[in-house]
C-alpha atoms as a PDB file:
ATOM      1  CA  MET A   1      -3.663 -25.415 -24.375  1.00  0.00           C
ATOM      2  CA  LEU A   2      -4.086 -25.927 -27.964  1.00  0.00           C
ATOM      3  CA  ASN A   3      -7.317 -23.629 -28.505  1.00  0.00           C
ATOM      4  CA  TYR A   4      -6.652 -21.055 -25.587  1.00  0.00           C
ATOM      5  CA  LYS A   5      -7.625 -18.178 -28.073  1.00  0.00           C
ATOM      6  CA  LYS A   6     -11.116 -19.532 -29.203  1.00  0.00           C
ATOM      7  CA  LYS A   7     -11.690 -20.665 -25.294  1.00  0.00           C
ATOM      8  CA  LEU A   8     -10.785 -16.805 -24.320  1.00  0.00           C
ATOM      9  CA  ALA A   9     -12.809 -15.379 -27.409  1.00  0.00           C
ATOM     10  CA  ASP A  10     -15.613 -17.499 -26.517  1.00  0.00           C
ATOM     11  CA  ALA A  11     -15.516 -16.217 -22.759  1.00  0.00           C
ATOM     12  CA  ASP A  12     -15.449 -12.375 -23.923  1.00  0.00           C
ATOM     13  CA  ARG A  13     -18.783 -12.783 -26.254  1.00  0.00           C
ATOM     14  CA  CYS A  14     -20.699 -13.549 -22.793  1.00  0.00           C
ATOM     15  CA  GLN A  15     -22.533 -11.086 -21.367  1.00  0.00           C
ATOM     16  CA  PHE A  16     -21.607 -11.095 -17.616  1.00  0.00           C
ATOM     17  CA  SER A  17     -23.464  -9.297 -14.351  1.00  0.00           C
ATOM     18  CA  ARG A  18     -20.509  -7.143 -13.714  1.00  0.00           C
ATOM     19  CA  PRO A  19     -17.425  -5.646 -15.717  1.00  0.00           C
ATOM     20  CA  VAL A  20     -14.523  -8.193 -16.058  1.00  0.00           C
ATOM     21  CA  THR A  21     -11.261  -7.130 -15.058  1.00  0.00           C
ATOM     22  CA  GLY A  22      -9.646 -10.145 -16.516  1.00  0.00           C
ATOM     23  CA  PHE A  23      -9.665 -13.572 -18.080  1.00  0.00           C
ATOM     24  CA  LEU A  24      -8.064 -16.432 -16.445  1.00  0.00           C
ATOM     25  CA  LEU A  25      -6.688 -19.157 -17.938  1.00  0.00           C
ATOM     26  CA  ASP A  26      -5.190 -22.683 -16.017  1.00  0.00           C
ATOM     27  CA  VAL A  27      -6.598 -21.407 -12.934  1.00  0.00           C
ATOM     28  CA  ARG A  28      -5.208 -23.267  -9.997  1.00  0.00           C
ATOM     29  CA  PRO A  29      -6.623 -22.689  -5.896  1.00  0.00           C
ATOM     30  CA  LYS A  30      -3.549 -22.068  -3.417  1.00  0.00           C
ATOM     31  CA  GLU A  31      -4.936 -21.707  -0.185  1.00  0.00           C
ATOM     32  CA  GLU A  32      -6.971 -18.698   0.010  1.00  0.00           C
ATOM     33  CA  VAL A  33      -6.000 -17.358  -3.474  1.00  0.00           C
ATOM     34  CA  VAL A  34      -6.168 -18.573  -6.900  1.00  0.00           C
ATOM     35  CA  ARG A  35      -3.118 -18.452  -9.660  1.00  0.00           C
ATOM     36  CA  GLY A  36      -3.482 -18.535 -13.469  1.00  0.00           C
ATOM     37  CA  ALA A  37      -2.481 -16.888 -16.894  1.00  0.00           C
ATOM     38  CA  ILE A  38      -4.184 -13.220 -17.053  1.00  0.00           C
ATOM     39  CA  PHE A  39      -5.466 -12.324 -20.531  1.00  0.00           C
ATOM     40  CA  SER A  40      -7.285  -8.807 -21.273  1.00  0.00           C
ATOM     41  CA  ASP A  41      -6.662  -7.110 -18.209  1.00  0.00           C
ATOM     42  CA  ALA A  42      -8.891  -4.015 -18.172  1.00  0.00           C
ATOM     43  CA  LEU A  43      -6.465  -2.257 -15.266  1.00  0.00           C
ATOM     44  CA  LYS A  44      -3.323  -2.368 -18.024  1.00  0.00           C
ATOM     45  CA  ARG A  45      -1.141  -4.136 -15.269  1.00  0.00           C
ATOM     46  CA  PHE A  46      -0.380  -7.274 -16.856  1.00  0.00           C
ATOM     47  CA  GLU A  47       0.476  -8.265 -20.577  1.00  0.00           C
ATOM     48  CA  ASP A  48      -1.264 -11.177 -21.871  1.00  0.00           C
ATOM     49  CA  GLY A  49       0.060 -14.515 -20.433  1.00  0.00           C
ATOM     50  CA  ASP A  50       1.190 -13.099 -17.196  1.00  0.00           C
ATOM     51  CA  SER A  51       1.374 -15.567 -14.289  1.00  0.00           C
ATOM     52  CA  VAL A  52      -1.000 -13.491 -11.413  1.00  0.00           C
ATOM     53  CA  THR A  53      -2.152 -14.490  -8.388  1.00  0.00           C
ATOM     54  CA  ILE A  54      -5.456 -13.214  -7.360  1.00  0.00           C
ATOM     55  CA  THR A  55      -6.063 -12.412  -3.640  1.00  0.00           C
ATOM     56  CA  GLU A  56      -8.721 -11.046  -1.143  1.00  0.00           C
ATOM     57  CA  ILE A  57     -11.638 -12.952  -2.687  1.00  0.00           C
ATOM     58  CA  LYS A  58     -14.817 -12.206  -1.231  1.00  0.00           C
ATOM     59  CA  GLU A  59     -17.080 -14.336  -3.359  1.00  0.00           C
ATOM     60  CA  THR A  60     -16.969 -16.848  -6.309  1.00  0.00           C
ATOM     61  CA  CYS A  61     -20.319 -17.198  -8.383  1.00  0.00           C
ATOM     62  CA  HIS A  62     -21.154 -19.219 -11.592  1.00  0.00           C
ATOM     63  CA  GLU A  63     -22.210 -17.425 -14.914  1.00  0.00           C
ATOM     64  CA  HIS A  64     -22.592 -18.995 -18.252  1.00  0.00           C
ATOM     65  CA  GLY A  65     -20.537 -22.115 -17.039  1.00  0.00           C
ATOM     66  CA  TYR A  66     -17.598 -19.949 -16.222  1.00  0.00           C
ATOM     67  CA  SER A  67     -16.116 -19.448 -12.363  1.00  0.00           C
ATOM     68  CA  LEU A  68     -16.375 -15.682 -11.512  1.00  0.00           C
ATOM     69  CA  PHE A  69     -13.869 -14.589  -8.625  1.00  0.00           C
ATOM     70  CA  LEU A  70     -15.085 -11.180  -7.173  1.00  0.00           C
ATOM     71  CA  THR A  71     -12.241  -9.403  -4.837  1.00  0.00           C
ATOM     72  CA  ALA A  72     -12.574  -7.159  -1.986  1.00  0.00           C
ATOM     73  CA  ASP A  73     -11.190  -4.481  -4.255  1.00  0.00           C
ATOM     74  CA  GLY A  74     -14.185  -5.172  -6.750  1.00  0.00           C
ATOM     75  CA  CYS A  75     -12.319  -6.922  -9.293  1.00  0.00           C
ATOM     76  CA  CYS A  76     -14.099  -9.526 -11.228  1.00  0.00           C
ATOM     77  CA  TYR A  77     -11.806 -12.445 -12.780  1.00  0.00           C
ATOM     78  CA  VAL A  78     -13.590 -15.223 -15.120  1.00  0.00           C
ATOM     79  CA  ALA A  79     -11.710 -18.511 -15.093  1.00  0.00           C
ATOM     80  CA  VAL A  80     -11.968 -19.550 -18.612  1.00  0.00           C
ATOM     81  CA  SER A  81      -9.801 -22.881 -17.655  1.00  0.00           C
ATOM     82  CA  HIS A  82      -8.798 -24.716 -14.546  1.00  0.00           C
ATOM     83  CA  LEU A  83      -5.578 -27.004 -13.930  1.00  0.00           C
ATOM     84  CA  MET A  84      -6.070 -29.531 -11.832  1.00  0.00           C
ATOM     85  CA  PHE A  85      -2.794 -30.921  -9.867  1.00  0.00           C
ATOM     86  CA  LEU A  86      -1.554 -32.618  -6.649  1.00  0.00           C
ATOM     87  CA  GLU A  87       1.628 -31.284  -5.043  1.00  0.00           C
ATOM     88  CA  GLU A  88       3.255 -34.572  -3.805  1.00  0.00           C
ATOM     89  CA  SER A  89       7.074 -35.074  -2.206  1.00  0.00           C
ATOM     90  CA  PHE A  90       9.064 -37.969  -4.041  1.00  0.00           C
ATOM     91  CA  ASN A  91      12.031 -39.270  -2.133  1.00  0.00           C
ATOM     92  CA  GLY A  92      11.852 -35.769  -0.168  1.00  0.00           C
ATOM     93  CA  VAL A  93      11.651 -33.532  -3.618  1.00  0.00           C
ATOM     94  CA  PRO A  94       8.549 -31.306  -4.091  1.00  0.00           C
ATOM     95  CA  GLN A  95       6.809 -32.310  -7.007  1.00  0.00           C
ATOM     96  CA  THR A  96       3.580 -31.154  -8.717  1.00  0.00           C
ATOM     97  CA  VAL A  97       1.762 -33.636 -10.471  1.00  0.00           C
ATOM     98  CA  ILE A  98      -0.721 -32.106 -13.283  1.00  0.00           C
ATOM     99  CA  LEU A  99      -3.881 -34.187 -13.328  1.00  0.00           C
ATOM    100  CA  ARG A 100      -5.965 -32.479 -16.204  1.00  0.00           C
ATOM    101  CA  ALA A 101      -6.501 -29.085 -17.914  1.00  0.00           C
ATOM    102  CA  SER A 102     -10.073 -27.883 -18.661  1.00  0.00           C
END
């Protein structure tokens, strides 16, 4: 994503209704979890750009045009961009086809 730093800065300027634990790029749902690259991890568990899986999502809401994922342990992750994809099998080989990134 060419302008990811600007997208992160724009999201960081928003006043969300709860403290933000981290910002996620290229968010993709996978069953009951979401995956993405995390930035500005308030808990200092991850480096910027690390791939993470967010589990135990209690609620999803929307603020300022962003999706927020609220977890059972009180964390709040802001989805800055989403990755749309299909998982298909071609000639018996599993493949992921990226359709669009926002």
